C-alpha cells in the first residue's frame, strides 16, 4: 500500500508571476496546498529535492507529509509543470487529505511472469495496452501498482481488467472488459498458420486417392488370366 514520505516546505506569502520567478531564482519551486474544505496555502519546496522525487517515479501516487513551519499536512501531488526546454519543475500542486478521505488515482500496471507465458516462449511479444489503471480508494489504501499476471497467456490472447484481482477497498473506474495486455504474434506467424491450415485438408484428401488405386490394380489380374485360354485354342 501507499508509503508516506516526508517533504519540507516554507510559506510563500506572495503570489503572482514575479514572486514565482524570484522563488525559482532562489532554488525553490512555488506550489500550493488545497482541498479538505480549507483555505489554500501557497508554499515553496526545494528544487533539487522535488526534482529527485519526480524522477524517482510514481510521484503522483505517493503520499507526503509536508512539514510547513512545524505543522504537517498529509497531501498527495495532483499536478506539476516542467520547463519545456530544461525539464526542471516550475510549479507543483498538492491536494490536502483529510482522515478517511477517498480519492481517485491513476496507478501503474506491473506486468509479471512474462518470461513463463506460453505465447512468449513461442516467439510472441508482450504488448502493454494500458499502462495505468484509474482507481478509487481511501488514502490509506493507495496501491503503488497493480500486478498483471500474463504467465498463462498464449499468442493472440489478452488479459482484461476483469481478470485482475484488486486489493480490498480498491475500485476500478475503467470498464471491466478493458484490455490491459496482449501477446502479439511474431513476424510471419499468420502466414505460417494459414499454410498449416491449408496443408491439413490436402494431406487428408491424398489418402483416399492412393487407396482407390489398389482395386484398379487388382482388377487387371483377371484380364491377364483370361488371355490364357484364348492362346491355348490357337495351338490346337
C-alpha atoms as a PDB file:
ATOM      1  CA  UNK A   1       0.000   0.000   0.000  1.00  0.00           C
ATOM      2  CA  UNK A   2       0.930   3.659  -0.143  1.00  0.00           C
ATOM      3  CA  UNK A   3       4.124   4.798   1.529  1.00  0.00           C
ATOM      4  CA  UNK A   4       4.118   8.208   3.206  1.00  0.00           C
ATOM      5  CA  UNK A   5       7.251  10.286   2.617  1.00  0.00           C
ATOM      6  CA  UNK A   6       8.463  13.497   4.195  1.00  0.00           C
ATOM      7  CA  UNK A   7       8.837  16.779   2.324  1.00  0.00           C
ATOM      8  CA  UNK A   8       9.810  20.125   3.777  1.00  0.00           C
ATOM      9  CA  UNK A   9       8.286  23.409   2.600  1.00  0.00           C
ATOM     10  CA  UNK A  10       8.275  27.067   3.508  1.00  0.00           C
ATOM     11  CA  UNK A  11       5.402  29.511   3.410  1.00  0.00           C
ATOM     12  CA  UNK A  12       5.237  31.721   0.325  1.00  0.00           C
ATOM     13  CA  UNK A  13       3.459  34.942   1.352  1.00  0.00           C
ATOM     14  CA  UNK A  14       3.447  36.463  -2.122  1.00  0.00           C
ATOM     15  CA  UNK A  15       1.769  35.097  -5.232  1.00  0.00           C
ATOM     16  CA  UNK A  16       1.976  36.054  -8.880  1.00  0.00           C
ATOM     17  CA  UNK A  17       4.448  35.506 -11.719  1.00  0.00           C
ATOM     18  CA  UNK A  18       7.052  37.931 -10.354  1.00  0.00           C
ATOM     19  CA  UNK A  19       7.130  36.277  -6.949  1.00  0.00           C
ATOM     20  CA  UNK A  20       7.248  32.809  -8.551  1.00  0.00           C
ATOM     21  CA  UNK A  21      10.256  33.763 -10.678  1.00  0.00           C
ATOM     22  CA  UNK A  22      12.006  35.093  -7.587  1.00  0.00           C
ATOM     23  CA  UNK A  23      11.444  31.747  -5.826  1.00  0.00           C
ATOM     24  CA  UNK A  24      12.921  29.833  -8.762  1.00  0.00           C
ATOM     25  CA  UNK A  25      15.987  32.080  -8.811  1.00  0.00           C
ATOM     26  CA  UNK A  26      16.448  31.202  -5.145  1.00  0.00           C
ATOM     27  CA  UNK A  27      16.447  27.475  -5.958  1.00  0.00           C
ATOM     28  CA  UNK A  28      12.868  26.854  -4.881  1.00  0.00           C
ATOM     29  CA  UNK A  29       9.720  25.683  -6.661  1.00  0.00           C
ATOM     30  CA  UNK A  30       6.433  27.502  -5.960  1.00  0.00           C
ATOM     31  CA  UNK A  31       3.455  25.353  -5.090  1.00  0.00           C
ATOM     32  CA  UNK A  32       0.072  25.268  -3.419  1.00  0.00           C
ATOM     33  CA  UNK A  33      -1.764  23.017  -0.948  1.00  0.00           C
ATOM     34  CA  UNK A  34      -5.542  22.941  -1.386  1.00  0.00           C
ATOM     35  CA  UNK A  35      -8.598  20.857  -0.516  1.00  0.00           C
ATOM     36  CA  UNK A  36     -10.304  19.376   2.565  1.00  0.00           C
ATOM     37  CA  UNK A  37     -12.557  22.455   2.764  1.00  0.00           C
ATOM     38  CA  UNK A  38      -9.680  24.599   4.000  1.00  0.00           C
ATOM     39  CA  UNK A  39      -8.079  27.725   2.540  1.00  0.00           C
ATOM     40  CA  UNK A  40      -5.253  27.105   0.048  1.00  0.00           C
ATOM     41  CA  UNK A  41      -1.689  27.529   1.245  1.00  0.00           C
ATOM     42  CA  UNK A  42       0.996  28.946  -1.033  1.00  0.00           C
ATOM     43  CA  UNK A  43       4.305  27.210  -0.403  1.00  0.00           C
ATOM     44  CA  UNK A  44       7.800  26.714  -1.793  1.00  0.00           C
ATOM     45  CA  UNK A  45       9.773  23.455  -1.858  1.00  0.00           C
ATOM     46  CA  UNK A  46      13.436  22.824  -2.561  1.00  0.00           C
ATOM     47  CA  UNK A  47      14.056  22.483  -6.305  1.00  0.00           C
ATOM     48  CA  UNK A  48      16.634  19.707  -6.028  1.00  0.00           C
ATOM     49  CA  UNK A  49      14.588  17.608  -3.632  1.00  0.00           C
ATOM     50  CA  UNK A  50      11.405  17.959  -5.681  1.00  0.00           C
ATOM     51  CA  UNK A  51      13.249  17.057  -8.874  1.00  0.00           C
ATOM     52  CA  UNK A  52      14.574  13.880  -7.254  1.00  0.00           C
ATOM     53  CA  UNK A  53      11.089  12.942  -6.091  1.00  0.00           C
ATOM     54  CA  UNK A  54       9.660  13.370  -9.585  1.00  0.00           C
ATOM     55  CA  UNK A  55      12.466  11.489 -11.323  1.00  0.00           C
ATOM     56  CA  UNK A  56      12.139   8.603  -8.855  1.00  0.00           C
ATOM     57  CA  UNK A  57       8.754   7.783 -10.386  1.00  0.00           C
ATOM     58  CA  UNK A  58       5.218   7.315  -9.023  1.00  0.00           C
ATOM     59  CA  UNK A  59       5.241  10.881  -7.801  1.00  0.00           C
ATOM     60  CA  UNK A  60       1.518  11.412  -8.383  1.00  0.00           C
ATOM     61  CA  UNK A  61       0.574   8.312  -6.354  1.00  0.00           C
ATOM     62  CA  UNK A  62       2.886   8.965  -3.405  1.00  0.00           C
ATOM     63  CA  UNK A  63       1.580  10.374  -0.139  1.00  0.00           C
ATOM     64  CA  UNK A  64       3.607  13.131   1.519  1.00  0.00           C
ATOM     65  CA  UNK A  65       3.632  14.686   4.947  1.00  0.00           C
ATOM     66  CA  UNK A  66       4.657  18.248   4.144  1.00  0.00           C
ATOM     67  CA  UNK A  67       6.361  19.921   7.085  1.00  0.00           C
ATOM     68  CA  UNK A  68       5.316  23.561   6.891  1.00  0.00           C
ATOM     69  CA  UNK A  69       6.614  25.682   9.753  1.00  0.00           C
ATOM     70  CA  UNK A  70       6.487  22.757  12.146  1.00  0.00           C
ATOM     71  CA  UNK A  71       2.987  21.642  11.150  1.00  0.00           C
ATOM     72  CA  UNK A  72       2.481  18.575   8.973  1.00  0.00           C
ATOM     73  CA  UNK A  73      -0.034  18.367   6.160  1.00  0.00           C
ATOM     74  CA  UNK A  74      -0.912  14.971   4.666  1.00  0.00           C
ATOM     75  CA  UNK A  75      -1.112  15.532   0.900  1.00  0.00           C
ATOM     76  CA  UNK A  76      -0.884  13.817  -2.469  1.00  0.00           C
ATOM     77  CA  UNK A  77       0.592  15.533  -5.561  1.00  0.00           C
ATOM     78  CA  UNK A  78      -2.067  16.356  -8.121  1.00  0.00           C
ATOM     79  CA  UNK A  79      -0.085  18.113 -10.832  1.00  0.00           C
ATOM     80  CA  UNK A  80       3.278  19.591 -11.684  1.00  0.00           C
ATOM     81  CA  UNK A  81       4.686  21.606 -14.573  1.00  0.00           C
ATOM     82  CA  UNK A  82       8.126  21.219 -16.116  1.00  0.00           C
ATOM     83  CA  UNK A  83      10.120  23.676 -18.183  1.00  0.00           C
ATOM     84  CA  UNK A  84       9.641  22.553 -21.817  1.00  0.00           C
ATOM     85  CA  UNK A  85      13.326  23.084 -22.623  1.00  0.00           C
ATOM     86  CA  UNK A  86      15.358  22.488 -19.459  1.00  0.00           C
ATOM     87  CA  UNK A  87      12.901  20.000 -17.924  1.00  0.00           C
ATOM     88  CA  UNK A  88      13.096  21.377 -14.367  1.00  0.00           C
ATOM     89  CA  UNK A  89       9.951  21.798 -12.202  1.00  0.00           C
ATOM     90  CA  UNK A  90       8.164  25.145 -12.432  1.00  0.00           C
ATOM     91  CA  UNK A  91       5.172  24.583 -10.172  1.00  0.00           C
ATOM     92  CA  UNK A  92       3.567  21.822  -8.115  1.00  0.00           C
ATOM     93  CA  UNK A  93       0.053  21.317  -6.725  1.00  0.00           C
ATOM     94  CA  UNK A  94      -0.739  19.224  -3.648  1.00  0.00           C
ATOM     95  CA  UNK A  95      -4.191  18.131  -2.511  1.00  0.00           C
ATOM     96  CA  UNK A  96      -4.747  18.078   1.235  1.00  0.00           C
ATOM     97  CA  UNK A  97      -6.124  14.768   2.517  1.00  0.00           C
ATOM     98  CA  UNK A  98      -8.463  14.531   5.446  1.00  0.00           C
ATOM     99  CA  UNK A  99      -8.644  11.426   7.596  1.00  0.00           C
ATOM    100  CA  UNK A 100     -10.546   8.635   5.809  1.00  0.00           C
ATOM    101  CA  UNK A 101     -10.708  10.582   2.551  1.00  0.00           C
ATOM    102  CA  UNK A 102     -11.438   8.745  -0.699  1.00  0.00           C
ATOM    103  CA  UNK A 103      -9.629   9.838  -3.842  1.00  0.00           C
ATOM    104  CA  UNK A 104      -9.200   8.878  -7.472  1.00  0.00           C
ATOM    105  CA  UNK A 105      -5.712   7.999  -8.665  1.00  0.00           C
ATOM    106  CA  UNK A 106      -4.004   6.506 -11.717  1.00  0.00           C
ATOM    107  CA  UNK A 107      -1.800   3.597 -10.697  1.00  0.00           C
ATOM    108  CA  UNK A 108       0.833   1.994 -12.963  1.00  0.00           C
ATOM    109  CA  UNK A 109       0.364  -1.545 -14.285  1.00  0.00           C
ATOM    110  CA  UNK A 110       3.110  -4.013 -13.315  1.00  0.00           C
ATOM    111  CA  UNK A 111       3.392  -6.988 -15.727  1.00  0.00           C
ATOM    112  CA  UNK A 112       4.686 -10.182 -14.091  1.00  0.00           C
ATOM    113  CA  UNK A 113       5.600 -13.716 -15.269  1.00  0.00           C
ATOM    114  CA  UNK A 114       6.047 -12.643 -18.881  1.00  0.00           C
ATOM    115  CA  UNK A 115       9.035 -14.971 -19.284  1.00  0.00           C
ATOM    116  CA  UNK A 116       6.901 -18.046 -18.472  1.00  0.00           C
ATOM    117  CA  UNK A 117       3.989 -17.197 -20.788  1.00  0.00           C
ATOM    118  CA  UNK A 118       3.491 -19.918 -23.467  1.00  0.00           C
ATOM    119  CA  UNK A 119       2.964 -17.254 -26.111  1.00  0.00           C
ATOM    120  CA  UNK A 120       6.289 -15.591 -25.274  1.00  0.00           C
ATOM    121  CA  UNK A 121       8.104 -18.947 -25.371  1.00  0.00           C
ATOM    122  CA  UNK A 122       6.739 -19.449 -28.897  1.00  0.00           C
ATOM    123  CA  UNK A 123       8.152 -16.118 -30.051  1.00  0.00           C
ATOM    124  CA  UNK A 124       5.328 -13.730 -29.116  1.00  0.00           C
ATOM    125  CA  UNK A 125       5.868 -10.288 -27.618  1.00  0.00           C
ATOM    126  CA  UNK A 126       4.177  -8.724 -24.575  1.00  0.00           C
ATOM    127  CA  UNK A 127       2.259  -5.609 -25.600  1.00  0.00           C
ATOM    128  CA  UNK A 128       1.081  -3.397 -22.725  1.00  0.00           C
ATOM    129  CA  UNK A 129      -2.106  -1.731 -23.984  1.00  0.00           C
ATOM    130  CA  UNK A 130      -2.933   0.123 -20.772  1.00  0.00           C
ATOM    131  CA  UNK A 131      -0.020   1.443 -18.724  1.00  0.00           C
ATOM    132  CA  UNK A 132      -2.103   2.860 -15.851  1.00  0.00           C
ATOM    133  CA  UNK A 133      -5.420   1.984 -14.207  1.00  0.00           C
ATOM    134  CA  UNK A 134      -7.784   4.589 -12.775  1.00  0.00           C
ATOM    135  CA  UNK A 135      -8.803   3.620  -9.258  1.00  0.00           C
ATOM    136  CA  UNK A 136     -10.931   4.916  -6.421  1.00  0.00           C
ATOM    137  CA  UNK A 137      -9.794   4.118  -2.899  1.00  0.00           C
ATOM    138  CA  UNK A 138      -9.130   5.548   0.521  1.00  0.00           C
ATOM    139  CA  UNK A 139      -5.900   7.442   1.029  1.00  0.00           C
ATOM    140  CA  UNK A 140      -4.660   4.685   3.316  1.00  0.00           C
ATOM    141  CA  UNK A 141      -5.127   2.025   0.628  1.00  0.00           C
ATOM    142  CA  UNK A 142      -3.487   3.531  -2.445  1.00  0.00           C
ATOM    143  CA  UNK A 143      -1.566   0.690  -4.123  1.00  0.00           C
ATOM    144  CA  UNK A 144       1.835   1.522  -5.573  1.00  0.00           C
ATOM    145  CA  UNK A 145       0.997  -0.568  -8.642  1.00  0.00           C
ATOM    146  CA  UNK A 146      -1.371  -3.268  -9.882  1.00  0.00           C
ATOM    147  CA  UNK A 147       0.048  -6.673 -10.849  1.00  0.00           C
ATOM    148  CA  UNK A 148      -0.951  -8.132 -14.227  1.00  0.00           C
ATOM    149  CA  UNK A 149      -0.013 -11.825 -14.365  1.00  0.00           C
ATOM    150  CA  UNK A 150       0.438 -12.922 -18.001  1.00  0.00           C
ATOM    151  CA  UNK A 151       2.062 -16.268 -17.181  1.00  0.00           C
ATOM    152  CA  UNK A 152      -0.756 -18.276 -18.807  1.00  0.00           C
ATOM    153  CA  UNK A 153      -1.256 -16.225 -21.982  1.00  0.00           C
ATOM    154  CA  UNK A 154      -0.867 -17.778 -25.439  1.00  0.00           C
ATOM    155  CA  UNK A 155      -0.186 -15.941 -28.690  1.00  0.00           C
ATOM    156  CA  UNK A 156      -3.015 -13.517 -29.630  1.00  0.00           C
ATOM    157  CA  UNK A 157      -4.619 -13.839 -26.181  1.00  0.00           C
ATOM    158  CA  UNK A 158      -5.269 -10.863 -23.884  1.00  0.00           C
ATOM    159  CA  UNK A 159      -5.574 -10.011 -20.208  1.00  0.00           C
ATOM    160  CA  UNK A 160      -8.547  -7.815 -19.302  1.00  0.00           C
ATOM    161  CA  UNK A 161      -9.351  -5.721 -16.273  1.00  0.00           C
ATOM    162  CA  UNK A 162     -11.904  -8.330 -15.172  1.00  0.00           C
ATOM    163  CA  UNK A 163      -9.017 -10.841 -14.883  1.00  0.00           C
ATOM    164  CA  UNK A 164      -7.236  -8.681 -12.291  1.00  0.00           C
ATOM    165  CA  UNK A 165      -7.790  -9.110  -8.568  1.00  0.00           C
ATOM    166  CA  UNK A 166      -7.722  -5.661  -6.979  1.00  0.00           C
ATOM    167  CA  UNK A 167      -6.747  -5.068  -3.343  1.00  0.00           C
ATOM    168  CA  UNK A 168      -9.525  -4.863  -0.789  1.00  0.00           C
ATOM    169  CA  UNK A 169     -11.227  -1.483  -0.702  1.00  0.00           C
ATOM    170  CA  UNK A 170      -9.975  -0.538  -4.179  1.00  0.00           C
ATOM    171  CA  UNK A 171     -12.423   0.040  -7.038  1.00  0.00           C
ATOM    172  CA  UNK A 172     -11.527   0.262 -10.724  1.00  0.00           C
ATOM    173  CA  UNK A 173     -13.072   3.132 -12.672  1.00  0.00           C
ATOM    174  CA  UNK A 174     -12.416   1.685 -16.146  1.00  0.00           C
ATOM    175  CA  UNK A 175     -14.630  -0.835 -17.988  1.00  0.00           C
ATOM    176  CA  UNK A 176     -14.267  -4.435 -16.864  1.00  0.00           C
ATOM    177  CA  UNK A 177     -13.620  -5.574 -20.449  1.00  0.00           C
ATOM    178  CA  UNK A 178     -10.789  -3.067 -20.923  1.00  0.00           C
ATOM    179  CA  UNK A 179      -7.761  -4.782 -22.475  1.00  0.00           C
ATOM    180  CA  UNK A 180      -4.600  -4.436 -20.407  1.00  0.00           C
ATOM    181  CA  UNK A 181      -2.013  -6.712 -22.031  1.00  0.00           C
ATOM    182  CA  UNK A 182      -1.850  -8.839 -25.189  1.00  0.00           C
ATOM    183  CA  UNK A 183       0.666 -11.339 -26.586  1.00  0.00           C
ATOM    184  CA  UNK A 184       1.490 -10.150 -30.102  1.00  0.00           C
ATOM    185  CA  UNK A 185       2.342 -12.886 -32.661  1.00  0.00           C
ATOM    186  CA  UNK A 186       5.864 -12.953 -34.106  1.00  0.00           C
ATOM    187  CA  UNK A 187       6.532 -11.832 -37.673  1.00  0.00           C
ATOM    188  CA  UNK A 188       5.227 -14.325 -40.231  1.00  0.00           C
ATOM    189  CA  UNK A 189       3.043 -16.122 -37.687  1.00  0.00           C
ATOM    190  CA  UNK A 190      -0.202 -15.514 -39.614  1.00  0.00           C
ATOM    191  CA  UNK A 191       1.278 -16.900 -42.846  1.00  0.00           C
ATOM    192  CA  UNK A 192       2.533 -19.986 -41.027  1.00  0.00           C
ATOM    193  CA  UNK A 193      -0.915 -20.606 -39.557  1.00  0.00           C
ATOM    194  CA  UNK A 194      -2.562 -20.286 -42.989  1.00  0.00           C
ATOM    195  CA  UNK A 195      -0.019 -22.632 -44.556  1.00  0.00           C
ATOM    196  CA  UNK A 196      -0.542 -25.198 -41.806  1.00  0.00           C
ATOM    197  CA  UNK A 197      -4.330 -24.958 -42.142  1.00  0.00           C
ATOM    198  CA  UNK A 198      -4.118 -25.445 -45.936  1.00  0.00           C
ATOM    199  CA  UNK A 199      -1.747 -28.402 -45.648  1.00  0.00           C
ATOM    200  CA  UNK A 200      -4.081 -30.396 -43.381  1.00  0.00           C
ATOM    201  CA  UNK A 201      -7.018 -30.777 -45.886  1.00  0.00           C
ATOM    202  CA  UNK A 202      -4.587 -31.516 -48.717  1.00  0.00           C
ATOM    203  CA  UNK A 203      -2.988 -34.366 -46.765  1.00  0.00           C
ATOM    204  CA  UNK A 204      -6.414 -35.792 -45.891  1.00  0.00           C
ATOM    205  CA  UNK A 205      -7.594 -35.697 -49.497  1.00  0.00           C
ATOM    206  CA  UNK A 206      -4.462 -37.533 -50.748  1.00  0.00           C
ATOM    207  CA  UNK A 207      -5.108 -40.668 -48.660  1.00  0.00           C
ATOM    208  CA  UNK A 208      -8.381 -41.860 -50.384  1.00  0.00           C
ATOM    209  CA  UNK A 209      -6.839 -41.329 -53.821  1.00  0.00           C
ATOM    210  CA  UNK A 210      -3.939 -43.638 -53.006  1.00  0.00           C
ATOM    211  CA  UNK A 211      -6.305 -46.277 -51.606  1.00  0.00           C
ATOM    212  CA  UNK A 212      -8.525 -46.152 -54.692  1.00  0.00           C
ATOM    213  CA  UNK A 213      -5.609 -47.267 -56.882  1.00  0.00           C
ATOM    214  CA  UNK A 214      -5.454 -50.680 -55.207  1.00  0.00           C
ATOM    215  CA  UNK A 215      -8.761 -52.059 -56.621  1.00  0.00           C
ATOM    216  CA  UNK A 216      -7.770 -50.897 -60.114  1.00  0.00           C
ATOM    217  CA  UNK A 217      -4.532 -52.848 -59.917  1.00  0.00           C
ATOM    218  CA  UNK A 218      -6.401 -55.930 -58.641  1.00  0.00           C
ATOM    219  CA  UNK A 219      -8.938 -55.743 -61.481  1.00  0.00           C
ATOM    220  CA  UNK A 220      -6.137 -56.101 -64.046  1.00  0.00           C
ATOM    221  CA  UNK A 221      -5.275 -59.623 -62.862  1.00  0.00           C
ATOM    222  CA  UNK A 222      -8.416 -61.428 -64.199  1.00  0.00           C
ATOM    223  CA  UNK A 223      -7.992 -59.692 -67.538  1.00  0.00           C
ATOM    224  CA  UNK A 224      -4.476 -61.067 -67.904  1.00  0.00           C
ATOM    225  CA  UNK A 225      -5.651 -64.565 -66.904  1.00  0.00           C
ATOM    226  CA  UNK A 226      -8.462 -64.548 -69.477  1.00  0.00           C
ATOM    227  CA  UNK A 227      -5.943 -64.462 -72.351  1.00  0.00           C
ATOM    228  CA  UNK A 228      -4.555 -67.923 -71.476  1.00  0.00           C
ATOM    229  CA  UNK A 229      -7.470 -69.985 -72.747  1.00  0.00           C
ATOM    230  CA  UNK A 230      -7.561 -67.975 -75.946  1.00  0.00           C
ATOM    231  CA  UNK A 231      -3.886 -68.754 -76.538  1.00  0.00           C
ATOM    232  CA  UNK A 232      -4.500 -72.487 -75.905  1.00  0.00           C
ATOM    233  CA  UNK A 233      -7.231 -72.682 -78.553  1.00  0.00           C
ATOM    234  CA  UNK A 234      -4.841 -71.409 -81.226  1.00  0.00           C
ATOM    235  CA  UNK A 235      -2.347 -74.227 -80.513  1.00  0.00           C
ATOM    236  CA  UNK A 236      -4.987 -76.868 -81.096  1.00  0.00           C
END
